[in-house]
N, C-alpha and C. Protein backbone atom coordinates (compact mmCIF):
# COMPACT_ATOMS: atom_id res chain seq x y z
N MET A 1 11.15 22.66 -2.95
CA MET A 1 10.68 21.35 -3.07
C MET A 1 9.98 21.21 -4.48
N SER A 2 10.49 21.86 -5.62
CA SER A 2 9.78 21.89 -6.82
C SER A 2 10.62 20.83 -7.66
N GLU A 3 11.69 20.23 -7.23
CA GLU A 3 12.38 19.15 -8.00
C GLU A 3 11.40 17.91 -8.22
N SER A 4 11.72 17.30 -9.20
CA SER A 4 10.89 16.11 -9.50
C SER A 4 11.50 14.75 -9.04
N LEU A 5 10.74 13.89 -8.36
CA LEU A 5 11.24 12.74 -7.91
C LEU A 5 10.57 11.49 -8.61
N VAL A 6 11.24 10.54 -9.02
CA VAL A 6 10.98 9.26 -9.53
C VAL A 6 10.72 8.17 -8.61
N GLY A 7 9.54 7.69 -8.43
CA GLY A 7 9.39 6.34 -7.54
C GLY A 7 8.66 5.38 -8.32
N PHE A 8 8.41 4.21 -7.65
CA PHE A 8 7.72 3.22 -8.30
C PHE A 8 6.50 2.70 -7.29
N VAL A 9 5.60 2.13 -8.14
CA VAL A 9 4.27 1.56 -7.42
C VAL A 9 4.71 0.06 -6.91
N VAL A 10 4.55 0.07 -5.63
CA VAL A 10 4.92 -1.19 -4.71
C VAL A 10 3.63 -2.11 -4.80
N SER A 11 2.41 -1.64 -4.52
CA SER A 11 1.25 -2.45 -4.49
C SER A 11 0.28 -1.44 -4.38
N TYR A 12 -1.10 -2.23 -4.42
CA TYR A 12 -2.38 -1.45 -4.16
C TYR A 12 -2.50 -1.38 -2.77
N ARG A 13 -3.25 -0.48 -2.24
CA ARG A 13 -3.90 -0.55 -0.85
C ARG A 13 -4.74 -1.87 -0.84
N THR A 14 -4.65 -2.75 0.15
CA THR A 14 -5.51 -3.75 0.30
C THR A 14 -6.14 -3.89 1.74
N GLY A 15 -7.29 -4.62 1.69
CA GLY A 15 -7.93 -4.91 3.12
C GLY A 15 -8.03 -6.50 3.09
N PRO A 16 -8.58 -6.99 3.96
CA PRO A 16 -8.77 -8.44 4.17
C PRO A 16 -9.47 -8.99 2.87
N LYS A 17 -10.51 -8.48 2.47
CA LYS A 17 -11.23 -8.96 1.30
C LYS A 17 -11.31 -7.96 0.08
N THR A 18 -10.61 -6.96 0.17
CA THR A 18 -10.71 -5.89 -0.89
C THR A 18 -9.54 -5.39 -1.53
N GLN A 19 -9.43 -4.88 -2.66
CA GLN A 19 -8.35 -4.34 -3.21
C GLN A 19 -8.72 -3.00 -3.83
N ARG A 20 -8.12 -1.89 -3.39
CA ARG A 20 -8.58 -0.58 -3.95
C ARG A 20 -7.63 -0.18 -4.98
N SER A 21 -8.08 0.01 -6.26
CA SER A 21 -7.13 0.29 -7.40
C SER A 21 -6.81 1.67 -7.47
N LYS A 22 -7.62 2.59 -6.77
CA LYS A 22 -7.36 4.00 -6.66
C LYS A 22 -6.39 4.45 -5.79
N GLU A 23 -5.99 3.65 -4.76
CA GLU A 23 -4.95 3.89 -3.77
C GLU A 23 -3.83 2.94 -4.01
N CYS A 24 -2.69 3.52 -4.13
CA CYS A 24 -1.36 2.70 -4.16
C CYS A 24 -0.31 3.03 -3.18
N VAL A 25 0.58 2.14 -2.90
CA VAL A 25 1.68 2.30 -2.05
C VAL A 25 2.97 2.62 -2.99
N LEU A 26 3.64 3.87 -2.75
CA LEU A 26 4.82 4.02 -3.70
C LEU A 26 5.98 4.16 -2.78
N LYS A 27 7.20 3.74 -3.49
CA LYS A 27 8.39 3.99 -2.93
C LYS A 27 9.27 4.76 -3.87
N PHE A 28 9.96 5.69 -3.15
CA PHE A 28 11.10 6.49 -3.74
C PHE A 28 12.42 6.07 -3.28
N PRO A 29 13.23 5.77 -4.29
CA PRO A 29 14.53 5.28 -3.78
C PRO A 29 15.40 6.12 -2.96
N ASN A 30 15.38 7.43 -3.06
CA ASN A 30 16.44 8.19 -2.17
C ASN A 30 15.58 8.54 -0.76
N VAL A 31 14.30 8.14 -0.44
CA VAL A 31 13.78 8.32 0.78
C VAL A 31 13.75 7.22 1.55
N LYS A 32 14.49 7.17 2.72
CA LYS A 32 14.72 6.04 3.60
C LYS A 32 14.13 5.91 4.79
N SER A 33 13.30 7.07 5.37
CA SER A 33 12.76 7.25 6.64
C SER A 33 11.36 7.61 6.56
N SER A 34 10.56 7.52 7.67
CA SER A 34 9.16 8.16 7.45
C SER A 34 9.28 9.64 7.71
N SER A 35 10.40 10.33 8.22
CA SER A 35 10.33 11.55 8.46
C SER A 35 10.59 12.35 7.12
N GLU A 36 11.46 11.63 6.17
CA GLU A 36 11.69 12.35 4.98
C GLU A 36 10.49 12.09 4.09
N ALA A 37 9.81 10.93 4.14
CA ALA A 37 8.55 10.83 3.41
C ALA A 37 7.50 11.69 3.87
N ALA A 38 7.33 12.17 5.14
CA ALA A 38 6.37 12.97 5.74
C ALA A 38 6.42 14.41 4.85
N ARG A 39 7.55 14.83 4.38
CA ARG A 39 7.63 16.03 3.65
C ARG A 39 6.93 16.01 2.39
N LEU A 40 6.82 14.74 1.74
CA LEU A 40 6.26 14.50 0.57
C LEU A 40 4.59 14.60 0.55
N ILE A 41 4.06 14.50 1.60
CA ILE A 41 2.55 14.49 1.71
C ILE A 41 2.09 15.83 0.93
N GLY A 42 1.02 15.73 0.26
CA GLY A 42 0.43 16.92 -0.44
C GLY A 42 0.95 17.02 -1.82
N ARG A 43 1.99 16.39 -2.21
CA ARG A 43 2.61 16.65 -3.53
C ARG A 43 1.79 15.72 -4.43
N LYS A 44 1.82 16.22 -5.75
CA LYS A 44 0.87 15.59 -6.93
C LYS A 44 2.10 14.49 -7.49
N VAL A 45 1.51 13.38 -8.11
CA VAL A 45 2.02 12.45 -8.63
C VAL A 45 1.30 12.05 -10.03
N ALA A 46 1.96 11.50 -10.90
CA ALA A 46 1.37 11.11 -12.18
C ALA A 46 1.93 9.86 -12.71
N TRP A 47 1.07 9.08 -13.22
CA TRP A 47 1.61 7.75 -14.00
C TRP A 47 1.17 7.71 -15.41
N PRO A 48 2.20 7.78 -16.36
CA PRO A 48 1.85 8.06 -17.70
C PRO A 48 1.21 6.80 -18.33
N VAL A 49 0.15 7.04 -19.13
CA VAL A 49 -0.56 5.91 -19.67
C VAL A 49 -0.64 6.40 -21.19
N GLY A 50 0.26 6.04 -22.08
CA GLY A 50 0.18 6.41 -23.47
C GLY A 50 0.54 7.91 -23.45
N GLU A 51 -0.44 8.61 -24.10
CA GLU A 51 -0.16 10.10 -24.16
C GLU A 51 -0.82 10.89 -23.00
N ARG A 52 -1.56 10.34 -22.26
CA ARG A 52 -2.12 10.92 -21.13
C ARG A 52 -1.53 10.49 -19.86
N LYS A 53 -2.06 11.09 -18.71
CA LYS A 53 -1.50 10.70 -17.41
C LYS A 53 -2.64 10.49 -16.41
N ILE A 54 -2.46 9.68 -15.53
CA ILE A 54 -3.32 9.49 -14.53
C ILE A 54 -2.82 10.28 -13.21
N ARG A 55 -3.36 11.28 -12.77
CA ARG A 55 -2.79 12.04 -11.75
C ARG A 55 -3.24 11.65 -10.25
N GLY A 56 -2.63 12.09 -9.40
CA GLY A 56 -2.94 11.52 -7.89
C GLY A 56 -2.18 12.44 -7.09
N LYS A 57 -2.37 12.27 -5.56
CA LYS A 57 -1.92 12.97 -4.70
C LYS A 57 -1.34 12.02 -3.62
N ILE A 58 -0.17 12.50 -3.04
CA ILE A 58 0.24 11.70 -1.78
C ILE A 58 -0.58 12.12 -0.50
N VAL A 59 -1.28 11.25 0.18
CA VAL A 59 -2.15 11.52 1.27
C VAL A 59 -1.57 10.99 2.44
N ALA A 60 -0.75 10.09 2.62
CA ALA A 60 -0.22 9.57 3.92
C ALA A 60 1.05 8.82 3.78
N LEU A 61 1.57 8.57 4.99
CA LEU A 61 2.59 7.52 5.05
C LEU A 61 2.24 6.03 5.12
N HIS A 62 3.11 5.20 4.73
CA HIS A 62 2.66 3.86 4.95
C HIS A 62 3.81 3.11 5.58
N GLY A 63 3.80 2.86 6.84
CA GLY A 63 4.87 2.27 7.71
C GLY A 63 5.87 3.17 8.02
N LYS A 64 7.07 2.52 8.50
CA LYS A 64 8.32 3.39 8.92
C LYS A 64 9.56 3.46 8.04
N GLN A 65 9.27 2.74 6.74
CA GLN A 65 10.42 2.65 5.82
C GLN A 65 10.49 3.70 4.74
N GLY A 66 9.62 4.73 4.88
CA GLY A 66 9.75 5.63 3.78
C GLY A 66 8.72 5.53 2.68
N LEU A 67 7.76 4.62 2.85
CA LEU A 67 6.80 4.52 1.78
C LEU A 67 5.47 5.46 2.01
N VAL A 68 4.96 5.85 0.93
CA VAL A 68 3.78 6.72 0.91
C VAL A 68 2.65 6.11 0.23
N ARG A 69 1.34 6.58 0.59
CA ARG A 69 0.08 6.10 0.02
C ARG A 69 -0.27 7.19 -0.84
N VAL A 70 -0.79 6.83 -2.00
CA VAL A 70 -1.30 7.76 -3.05
C VAL A 70 -2.57 7.44 -3.53
N ARG A 71 -3.48 8.64 -3.59
CA ARG A 71 -4.80 8.34 -4.02
C ARG A 71 -4.90 9.01 -5.27
N PHE A 72 -5.14 8.13 -6.46
CA PHE A 72 -5.17 8.63 -7.86
C PHE A 72 -6.72 8.95 -8.22
N LYS A 73 -7.03 9.88 -9.05
CA LYS A 73 -8.19 10.15 -9.59
C LYS A 73 -9.10 9.11 -10.10
N LYS A 74 -8.40 8.21 -10.96
CA LYS A 74 -9.06 7.10 -11.50
C LYS A 74 -8.13 5.87 -11.17
N GLY A 75 -8.84 4.73 -11.25
CA GLY A 75 -8.18 3.52 -10.85
C GLY A 75 -6.97 3.22 -11.78
N VAL A 76 -5.79 2.74 -11.15
CA VAL A 76 -4.49 2.38 -11.83
C VAL A 76 -4.67 0.88 -12.19
N SER A 77 -4.08 0.63 -13.46
CA SER A 77 -4.31 -0.79 -13.77
C SER A 77 -3.07 -1.61 -13.33
N GLY A 78 -3.30 -2.85 -13.35
CA GLY A 78 -2.17 -3.84 -12.87
C GLY A 78 -0.87 -3.58 -13.58
N GLN A 79 -0.83 -3.00 -14.77
CA GLN A 79 0.45 -2.72 -15.41
C GLN A 79 1.28 -1.72 -14.56
N ALA A 80 0.69 -0.94 -13.75
CA ALA A 80 1.36 -0.03 -12.94
C ALA A 80 2.27 -0.55 -11.95
N LEU A 81 1.94 -1.83 -11.55
CA LEU A 81 2.80 -2.22 -10.48
C LEU A 81 4.18 -2.66 -10.86
N ARG A 82 5.20 -2.12 -10.11
CA ARG A 82 6.72 -2.10 -10.26
C ARG A 82 7.01 -1.29 -11.38
N ASP A 83 6.13 -0.19 -11.83
CA ASP A 83 6.47 0.65 -12.84
C ASP A 83 6.74 2.05 -12.34
N THR A 84 7.48 2.72 -12.76
CA THR A 84 7.88 4.25 -12.22
C THR A 84 6.71 5.21 -12.42
N CYS A 85 6.70 6.01 -11.55
CA CYS A 85 5.55 6.99 -11.46
C CYS A 85 6.17 8.39 -11.32
């Protein structure tokens, strides 16, 4: 499982009155079910910002369609939405 996957940020993790910029929901094009996405939990991800990267970790599933929740070390800007990770 050392191959790299390219996914994109779908949205921030939100609540009724809050939006958490450190937690995002990611979708990988070749992952279609929650059982396939469950194998990705614990893997590291990075979003490139210029010459540096904001690093994060896949922490949980999000729904049954193969989406995953990622917790980044720093908050991710709004420019990351719909961008590859």
